[in-house]
C-alpha atoms as a PDB file:
ATOM      1  CA  MET A   1     -54.307 -18.864 -12.123  1.00  0.00           C
ATOM      2  CA  ALA A   2     -53.860 -15.711 -13.463  1.00  0.00           C
ATOM      3  CA  THR A   3     -52.718 -14.821 -10.197  1.00  0.00           C
ATOM      4  CA  THR A   4     -50.170 -16.996  -9.799  1.00  0.00           C
ATOM      5  CA  LYS A   5     -48.968 -16.037 -13.628  1.00  0.00           C
ATOM      6  CA  ALA A   6     -48.521 -12.922 -13.125  1.00  0.00           C
ATOM      7  CA  VAL A   7     -47.179 -13.381  -9.939  1.00  0.00           C
ATOM      8  CA  LEU A   8     -44.576 -16.126 -11.556  1.00  0.00           C
ATOM      9  CA  PHE A   9     -43.909 -13.494 -14.407  1.00  0.00           C
ATOM     10  CA  LYS A  10     -43.233 -10.699 -11.958  1.00  0.00           C
ATOM     11  CA  LEU A  11     -40.385 -12.900 -10.284  1.00  0.00           C
ATOM     12  CA  VAL A  12     -38.825 -14.162 -13.564  1.00  0.00           C
ATOM     13  CA  MET A  13     -38.851 -10.400 -14.659  1.00  0.00           C
ATOM     14  CA  ILE A  14     -36.868  -9.285 -10.974  1.00  0.00           C
ATOM     15  CA  VAL A  15     -34.366 -12.767 -11.183  1.00  0.00           C
ATOM     16  CA  LEU A  16     -33.635 -11.795 -15.156  1.00  0.00           C
ATOM     17  CA  VAL A  17     -33.158  -7.529 -13.998  1.00  0.00           C
ATOM     18  CA  THR A  18     -31.060  -8.698 -11.078  1.00  0.00           C
ATOM     19  CA  TRP A  19     -29.203 -11.195 -12.905  1.00  0.00           C
ATOM     20  CA  GLY A  20     -28.503  -8.434 -15.792  1.00  0.00           C
ATOM     21  CA  GLY A  21     -27.433  -6.209 -13.448  1.00  0.00           C
ATOM     22  CA  ALA A  22     -25.023  -8.942 -11.472  1.00  0.00           C
ATOM     23  CA  ALA A  23     -23.857  -8.958 -15.030  1.00  0.00           C
ATOM     24  CA  PHE A  24     -23.445  -5.151 -15.962  1.00  0.00           C
ATOM     25  CA  ALA A  25     -21.719  -4.703 -12.127  1.00  0.00           C
ATOM     26  CA  GLN A  26     -19.515  -7.758 -12.984  1.00  0.00           C
ATOM     27  CA  ARG A  27     -18.458  -6.019 -16.956  1.00  0.00           C
ATOM     28  CA  SER A  28     -17.747  -2.765 -15.149  1.00  0.00           C
ATOM     29  CA  THR A  29     -15.859  -3.862 -12.131  1.00  0.00           C
ATOM     30  CA  ALA A  30     -13.619  -6.137 -14.556  1.00  0.00           C
ATOM     31  CA  GLY A  31     -13.765  -3.193 -16.882  1.00  0.00           C
ATOM     32  CA  GLY A  32     -12.377  -0.782 -14.009  1.00  0.00           C
ATOM     33  CA  TYR A  33      -9.429  -3.101 -13.338  1.00  0.00           C
ATOM     34  CA  THR A  34      -8.503  -3.648 -16.665  1.00  0.00           C
ATOM     35  CA  GLU A  35      -8.549  -0.541 -17.550  1.00  0.00           C
ATOM     36  CA  GLU A  36      -6.488   0.412 -13.854  1.00  0.00           C
ATOM     37  CA  ARG A  37      -4.241  -2.089 -14.928  1.00  0.00           C
ATOM     38  CA  ILE A  38      -3.404  -0.582 -18.461  1.00  0.00           C
ATOM     39  CA  GLY A  39      -3.158   2.689 -16.212  1.00  0.00           C
ATOM     40  CA  GLN A  40      -0.181   0.912 -13.795  1.00  0.00           C
ATOM     41  CA  LEU A  41       1.466  -0.939 -16.987  1.00  0.00           C
ATOM     42  CA  GLN A  42       1.529   2.430 -18.667  1.00  0.00           C
ATOM     43  CA  GLN A  43       3.250   4.340 -15.632  1.00  0.00           C
ATOM     44  CA  THR A  44       5.713   1.600 -15.578  1.00  0.00           C
ATOM     45  CA  LEU A  45       6.446   1.793 -18.657  1.00  0.00           C
ATOM     46  CA  VAL A  46       6.974   5.856 -18.710  1.00  0.00           C
ATOM     47  CA  ASP A  47       9.318   4.500 -15.636  1.00  0.00           C
ATOM     48  CA  LEU A  48      11.097   2.238 -17.561  1.00  0.00           C
ATOM     49  CA  THR A  49      11.948   4.498 -20.252  1.00  0.00           C
ATOM     50  CA  ARG A  50      13.208   7.335 -17.762  1.00  0.00           C
ATOM     51  CA  ARG A  51      15.278   5.244 -16.207  1.00  0.00           C
ATOM     52  CA  LEU A  52      16.748   3.662 -19.934  1.00  0.00           C
ATOM     53  CA  GLU A  53      17.400   7.247 -20.861  1.00  0.00           C
ATOM     54  CA  GLU A  54      18.818   7.780 -17.449  1.00  0.00           C
ATOM     55  CA  LEU A  55      21.094   4.527 -18.237  1.00  0.00           C
ATOM     56  CA  ARG A  56      21.878   5.564 -21.461  1.00  0.00           C
ATOM     57  CA  LYS A  57      23.510   8.853 -20.365  1.00  0.00           C
ATOM     58  CA  GLN A  58      25.555   7.544 -17.934  1.00  0.00           C
ATOM     59  CA  ASN A  59      27.003   5.037 -20.188  1.00  0.00           C
ATOM     60  CA  GLN A  60      28.026   7.607 -22.681  1.00  0.00           C
ATOM     61  CA  GLN A  61      29.504   9.169 -19.933  1.00  0.00           C
ATOM     62  CA  LEU A  62      31.543   6.181 -18.906  1.00  0.00           C
ATOM     63  CA  GLU A  63      32.475   5.902 -22.279  1.00  0.00           C
ATOM     64  CA  GLN A  64      33.883   9.128 -22.081  1.00  0.00           C
ATOM     65  CA  LYS A  65      35.955   8.738 -19.182  1.00  0.00           C
ATOM     66  CA  LEU A  66      37.282   5.319 -20.510  1.00  0.00           C
ATOM     67  CA  GLU A  67      38.478   7.204 -23.810  1.00  0.00           C
ATOM     68  CA  LYS A  68      39.953   9.988 -22.359  1.00  0.00           C
ATOM     69  CA  MET A  69      41.819   7.288 -19.527  1.00  0.00           C
ATOM     70  CA  GLN A  70      42.819   4.701 -22.833  1.00  0.00           C
ATOM     71  CA  ALA A  71      44.197   8.341 -24.288  1.00  0.00           C
ATOM     72  CA  SER A  72      46.183   9.067 -20.978  1.00  0.00           C
ATOM     73  CA  TYR A  73      47.704   5.405 -20.968  1.00  0.00           C
ATOM     74  CA  GLU A  74      48.577   5.436 -24.259  1.00  0.00           C
ATOM     75  CA  GLN A  75      50.475   8.938 -24.114  1.00  0.00           C
ATOM     76  CA  ARG A  76      52.390   7.623 -21.096  1.00  0.00           C
ATOM     77  CA  LEU A  77      53.107   4.408 -22.298  1.00  0.00           C
ATOM     78  CA  GLU A  78      54.886   6.162 -25.755  1.00  0.00           C
ATOM     79  CA  ARG A  79      56.524   8.754 -23.365  1.00  0.00           C
ATOM     80  CA  LEU A  80      58.128   5.499 -21.525  1.00  0.00           C
ATOM     81  CA  GLU A  81      59.155   3.413 -24.347  1.00  0.00           C
ATOM     82  CA  LYS A  82      60.448   6.742 -25.846  1.00  0.00           C
ATOM     83  CA  GLY A  83      62.449   7.344 -22.709  1.00  0.00           C
ATOM     84  CA  THR A  84      61.319  10.517 -22.248  1.00  0.00           C
ATOM     85  CA  ALA A  85      59.055   9.972 -18.960  1.00  0.00           C
ATOM     86  CA  ALA A  86      60.168  12.269 -16.315  1.00  0.00           C
ATOM     87  CA  LYS A  87      61.940  10.735 -13.489  1.00  0.00           C
ATOM     88  CA  ALA A  88      60.707  11.200 -10.383  1.00  0.00           C
ATOM     89  CA  PRO A  89      63.133  12.626  -7.907  1.00  0.00           C
ATOM     90  CA  ALA A  90      64.057   9.592  -5.260  1.00  0.00           C
ATOM     91  CA  ALA A  91      63.368  10.287  -1.716  1.00  0.00           C
ATOM     92  CA  PRO A  92      66.129  10.665   0.354  1.00  0.00           C
ATOM     93  CA  ARG A  93      67.107   7.408   2.562  1.00  0.00           C
ATOM     94  CA  LYS A  94      67.190   7.830   6.090  1.00  0.00           C
ATOM     95  CA  ALA A  95      70.103   5.696   7.572  1.00  0.00           C
ATOM     96  CA  PRO A  96      68.238   3.568  10.288  1.00  0.00           C
ATOM     97  CA  SER A  97      68.456   4.571  13.684  1.00  0.00           C
ATOM     98  CA  ARG A  98      70.490   2.188  16.225  1.00  0.00           C
ATOM     99  CA  PRO A  99      69.383   2.121  19.769  1.00  0.00           C
END
């Protein structure tokens, strides 16, 4: 009986150690996955922040161009309304050629 109890005890210990090791390995793998995923999310956040700054800069440049165009159109309209717009010389008309 003592031998059976000893063998049974050893078997139980082996099972516990194996399960404990497997549980640790799962936690380690899950932790590794979590850390990897967090790293990916951080990189995505950095990329999105960089892209947002690029888009803000591009938007600012477009706003500046729009303001210049509006100012230019307003000046042209004022000149037209005052009648001081420079007249373009008329292109000479060609007489239609007859066969």
